Amino acid sequence: MNLKVITIAIAVFAAAALSVYAVQSTPRAYLLVQVEVTNAPQYGEYTKLTPAIIEKFGGRFLARGGRSTTLEGPAAPARVALIEFPSYERAQAFYNSPEYLGARKVRAGAAHVQMVLVEGQP
């Protein structure tokens, strides 16, 4: 292999490594959702809508309504979800989207909800 080919290969490898680093250095965002369901059938309709909307914005459930225990502080509601998004901005875009606004209207009156958006570490 000649020096020119090696130099080009190194440059291509370095560019690829830097682009991967740039993508990975963007902090992910996490939406912590705590829910007290007051109307299970109506809330069930809401839960059918949200996965596709979350996915559209690059999000994914890390936890959704599974077993939880409050270790300190006031007891958390029975239903807790943790959703990961590729960035803080994508999570905000999800929350403010017309699709999710429609889902929130379906949920209205069926639950008391607290959502906290937090940016992860780079």
C-alpha atoms as a PDB file:
ATOM      1  CA  MET A   1       0.000   0.000   0.000  1.00  0.00           C
ATOM      2  CA  ASN A   2       1.371   3.387  -0.852  1.00  0.00           C
ATOM      3  CA  LEU A   3       1.478   6.403   1.458  1.00  0.00           C
ATOM      4  CA  LYS A   4      -1.306   8.225  -0.404  1.00  0.00           C
ATOM      5  CA  VAL A   5      -3.745   5.329   0.061  1.00  0.00           C
ATOM      6  CA  ILE A   6      -2.843   5.047   3.752  1.00  0.00           C
ATOM      7  CA  THR A   7      -3.298   8.799   4.246  1.00  0.00           C
ATOM      8  CA  ILE A   8      -6.716   8.718   2.575  1.00  0.00           C
ATOM      9  CA  ALA A   9      -7.761   5.691   4.646  1.00  0.00           C
ATOM     10  CA  ILE A  10      -6.722   7.435   7.861  1.00  0.00           C
ATOM     11  CA  ALA A  11      -8.593  10.604   6.859  1.00  0.00           C
ATOM     12  CA  VAL A  12     -11.763   8.621   6.085  1.00  0.00           C
ATOM     13  CA  PHE A  13     -11.506   6.730   9.365  1.00  0.00           C
ATOM     14  CA  ALA A  14     -10.951   9.951  11.340  1.00  0.00           C
ATOM     15  CA  ALA A  15     -13.935  11.651   9.675  1.00  0.00           C
ATOM     16  CA  ALA A  16     -16.150   8.658  10.439  1.00  0.00           C
ATOM     17  CA  ALA A  17     -14.979   8.546  14.054  1.00  0.00           C
ATOM     18  CA  LEU A  18     -15.617  12.269  14.503  1.00  0.00           C
ATOM     19  CA  SER A  19     -19.115  12.020  13.016  1.00  0.00           C
ATOM     20  CA  VAL A  20     -19.969   9.158  15.380  1.00  0.00           C
ATOM     21  CA  TYR A  21     -18.613  11.194  18.305  1.00  0.00           C
ATOM     22  CA  ALA A  22     -20.649  14.239  17.257  1.00  0.00           C
ATOM     23  CA  VAL A  23     -23.829  12.144  17.157  1.00  0.00           C
ATOM     24  CA  GLN A  24     -23.089  10.491  20.505  1.00  0.00           C
ATOM     25  CA  SER A  25     -22.042  13.707  22.244  1.00  0.00           C
ATOM     26  CA  THR A  26     -25.549  15.164  21.926  1.00  0.00           C
ATOM     27  CA  PRO A  27     -27.137  14.542  25.302  1.00  0.00           C
ATOM     28  CA  ARG A  28     -30.222  12.371  25.286  1.00  0.00           C
ATOM     29  CA  ALA A  29     -33.329  13.563  27.082  1.00  0.00           C
ATOM     30  CA  TYR A  30     -35.591  11.666  29.430  1.00  0.00           C
ATOM     31  CA  LEU A  31     -39.247  12.231  30.118  1.00  0.00           C
ATOM     32  CA  LEU A  32     -40.282  10.997  33.554  1.00  0.00           C
ATOM     33  CA  VAL A  33     -44.038  10.500  33.676  1.00  0.00           C
ATOM     34  CA  GLN A  34     -45.983   9.832  36.865  1.00  0.00           C
ATOM     35  CA  VAL A  35     -49.659   9.038  36.490  1.00  0.00           C
ATOM     36  CA  GLU A  36     -52.593   8.499  38.801  1.00  0.00           C
ATOM     37  CA  VAL A  37     -55.253   6.925  36.568  1.00  0.00           C
ATOM     38  CA  THR A  38     -58.814   7.927  37.449  1.00  0.00           C
ATOM     39  CA  ASN A  39     -60.621   6.434  34.439  1.00  0.00           C
ATOM     40  CA  ALA A  40     -58.909   3.259  33.233  1.00  0.00           C
ATOM     41  CA  PRO A  41     -60.917   2.658  30.023  1.00  0.00           C
ATOM     42  CA  GLN A  42     -60.407   6.241  28.831  1.00  0.00           C
ATOM     43  CA  TYR A  43     -56.732   6.191  29.823  1.00  0.00           C
ATOM     44  CA  GLY A  44     -56.370   2.927  27.918  1.00  0.00           C
ATOM     45  CA  GLU A  45     -57.402   4.734  24.726  1.00  0.00           C
ATOM     46  CA  TYR A  46     -54.656   7.300  25.349  1.00  0.00           C
ATOM     47  CA  THR A  47     -52.029   4.580  25.868  1.00  0.00           C
ATOM     48  CA  LYS A  48     -52.902   3.108  22.458  1.00  0.00           C
ATOM     49  CA  LEU A  49     -52.045   6.430  20.775  1.00  0.00           C
ATOM     50  CA  THR A  50     -48.776   7.388  22.439  1.00  0.00           C
ATOM     51  CA  PRO A  51     -46.262   4.726  21.288  1.00  0.00           C
ATOM     52  CA  ALA A  52     -46.471   5.690  17.597  1.00  0.00           C
ATOM     53  CA  ILE A  53     -46.218   9.400  18.399  1.00  0.00           C
ATOM     54  CA  ILE A  54     -43.219   8.864  20.667  1.00  0.00           C
ATOM     55  CA  GLU A  55     -41.532   6.740  17.998  1.00  0.00           C
ATOM     56  CA  LYS A  56     -42.139   9.439  15.367  1.00  0.00           C
ATOM     57  CA  PHE A  57     -39.952  11.796  17.419  1.00  0.00           C
ATOM     58  CA  GLY A  58     -37.198   9.229  17.968  1.00  0.00           C
ATOM     59  CA  GLY A  59     -38.328   8.301  21.458  1.00  0.00           C
ATOM     60  CA  ARG A  60     -38.627   4.933  23.112  1.00  0.00           C
ATOM     61  CA  PHE A  61     -40.014   3.643  26.372  1.00  0.00           C
ATOM     62  CA  LEU A  62     -37.383   2.531  28.854  1.00  0.00           C
ATOM     63  CA  ALA A  63     -40.048   1.739  31.457  1.00  0.00           C
ATOM     64  CA  ARG A  64     -43.812   1.854  31.156  1.00  0.00           C
ATOM     65  CA  GLY A  65     -46.145   1.024  34.010  1.00  0.00           C
ATOM     66  CA  GLY A  66     -44.064  -1.789  35.440  1.00  0.00           C
ATOM     67  CA  ARG A  67     -43.365  -2.455  39.075  1.00  0.00           C
ATOM     68  CA  SER A  68     -42.038   0.538  41.032  1.00  0.00           C
ATOM     69  CA  THR A  69     -41.234   1.383  44.628  1.00  0.00           C
ATOM     70  CA  THR A  70     -40.788   4.837  46.108  1.00  0.00           C
ATOM     71  CA  LEU A  71     -37.543   4.706  48.066  1.00  0.00           C
ATOM     72  CA  GLU A  72     -37.626   8.248  49.469  1.00  0.00           C
ATOM     73  CA  GLY A  73     -40.118  11.082  49.638  1.00  0.00           C
ATOM     74  CA  PRO A  74     -43.862  11.063  48.984  1.00  0.00           C
ATOM     75  CA  ALA A  75     -45.176   7.923  47.328  1.00  0.00           C
ATOM     76  CA  ALA A  76     -45.151   8.037  43.529  1.00  0.00           C
ATOM     77  CA  PRO A  77     -48.405   7.268  41.735  1.00  0.00           C
ATOM     78  CA  ALA A  78     -48.952   3.656  40.741  1.00  0.00           C
ATOM     79  CA  ARG A  79     -48.049   4.236  37.083  1.00  0.00           C
ATOM     80  CA  VAL A  80     -44.581   5.508  36.180  1.00  0.00           C
ATOM     81  CA  ALA A  81     -42.990   5.691  32.725  1.00  0.00           C
ATOM     82  CA  LEU A  82     -39.539   6.691  31.541  1.00  0.00           C
ATOM     83  CA  ILE A  83     -39.144   7.683  27.896  1.00  0.00           C
ATOM     84  CA  GLU A  84     -35.819   8.361  26.172  1.00  0.00           C
ATOM     85  CA  PHE A  85     -35.479  10.848  23.293  1.00  0.00           C
ATOM     86  CA  PRO A  86     -32.427  11.551  21.140  1.00  0.00           C
ATOM     87  CA  SER A  87     -32.326  15.163  22.383  1.00  0.00           C
ATOM     88  CA  TYR A  88     -34.074  17.668  24.610  1.00  0.00           C
ATOM     89  CA  GLU A  89     -35.385  19.452  21.528  1.00  0.00           C
ATOM     90  CA  ARG A  90     -36.904  16.264  20.067  1.00  0.00           C
ATOM     91  CA  ALA A  91     -38.663  15.590  23.375  1.00  0.00           C
ATOM     92  CA  GLN A  92     -40.095  19.102  23.397  1.00  0.00           C
ATOM     93  CA  ALA A  93     -41.150  18.700  19.751  1.00  0.00           C
ATOM     94  CA  PHE A  94     -42.964  15.485  20.730  1.00  0.00           C
ATOM     95  CA  TYR A  95     -44.766  17.157  23.627  1.00  0.00           C
ATOM     96  CA  ASN A  96     -45.786  20.202  21.561  1.00  0.00           C
ATOM     97  CA  SER A  97     -46.760  18.251  18.431  1.00  0.00           C
ATOM     98  CA  PRO A  98     -50.313  18.320  17.080  1.00  0.00           C
ATOM     99  CA  GLU A  99     -50.373  14.512  17.330  1.00  0.00           C
ATOM    100  CA  TYR A 100     -49.586  14.515  21.039  1.00  0.00           C
ATOM    101  CA  LEU A 101     -51.964  17.406  21.664  1.00  0.00           C
ATOM    102  CA  GLY A 102     -54.692  15.154  20.249  1.00  0.00           C
ATOM    103  CA  ALA A 103     -53.620  12.300  22.526  1.00  0.00           C
ATOM    104  CA  ARG A 104     -53.647  14.629  25.548  1.00  0.00           C
ATOM    105  CA  LYS A 105     -57.224  15.583  24.683  1.00  0.00           C
ATOM    106  CA  VAL A 106     -58.151  11.880  24.714  1.00  0.00           C
ATOM    107  CA  ARG A 107     -56.486  11.567  28.155  1.00  0.00           C
ATOM    108  CA  ALA A 108     -58.157  14.703  29.596  1.00  0.00           C
ATOM    109  CA  GLY A 109     -60.066  13.844  32.763  1.00  0.00           C
ATOM    110  CA  ALA A 110     -58.796  10.254  32.842  1.00  0.00           C
ATOM    111  CA  ALA A 111     -55.670  10.808  34.934  1.00  0.00           C
ATOM    112  CA  HIS A 112     -53.576  13.193  36.996  1.00  0.00           C
ATOM    113  CA  VAL A 113     -50.209  13.429  35.237  1.00  0.00           C
ATOM    114  CA  GLN A 114     -46.844  14.926  36.052  1.00  0.00           C
ATOM    115  CA  MET A 115     -44.178  14.977  33.327  1.00  0.00           C
ATOM    116  CA  VAL A 116     -40.626  16.076  33.949  1.00  0.00           C
ATOM    117  CA  LEU A 117     -38.194  16.504  31.048  1.00  0.00           C
ATOM    118  CA  VAL A 118     -34.530  16.199  31.951  1.00  0.00           C
ATOM    119  CA  GLU A 119     -31.440  16.370  29.775  1.00  0.00           C
ATOM    120  CA  GLY A 120     -28.951  13.546  30.189  1.00  0.00           C
ATOM    121  CA  GLN A 121     -25.170  13.765  30.344  1.00  0.00           C
ATOM    122  CA  PRO A 122     -23.255  14.251  27.086  1.00  0.00           C
END
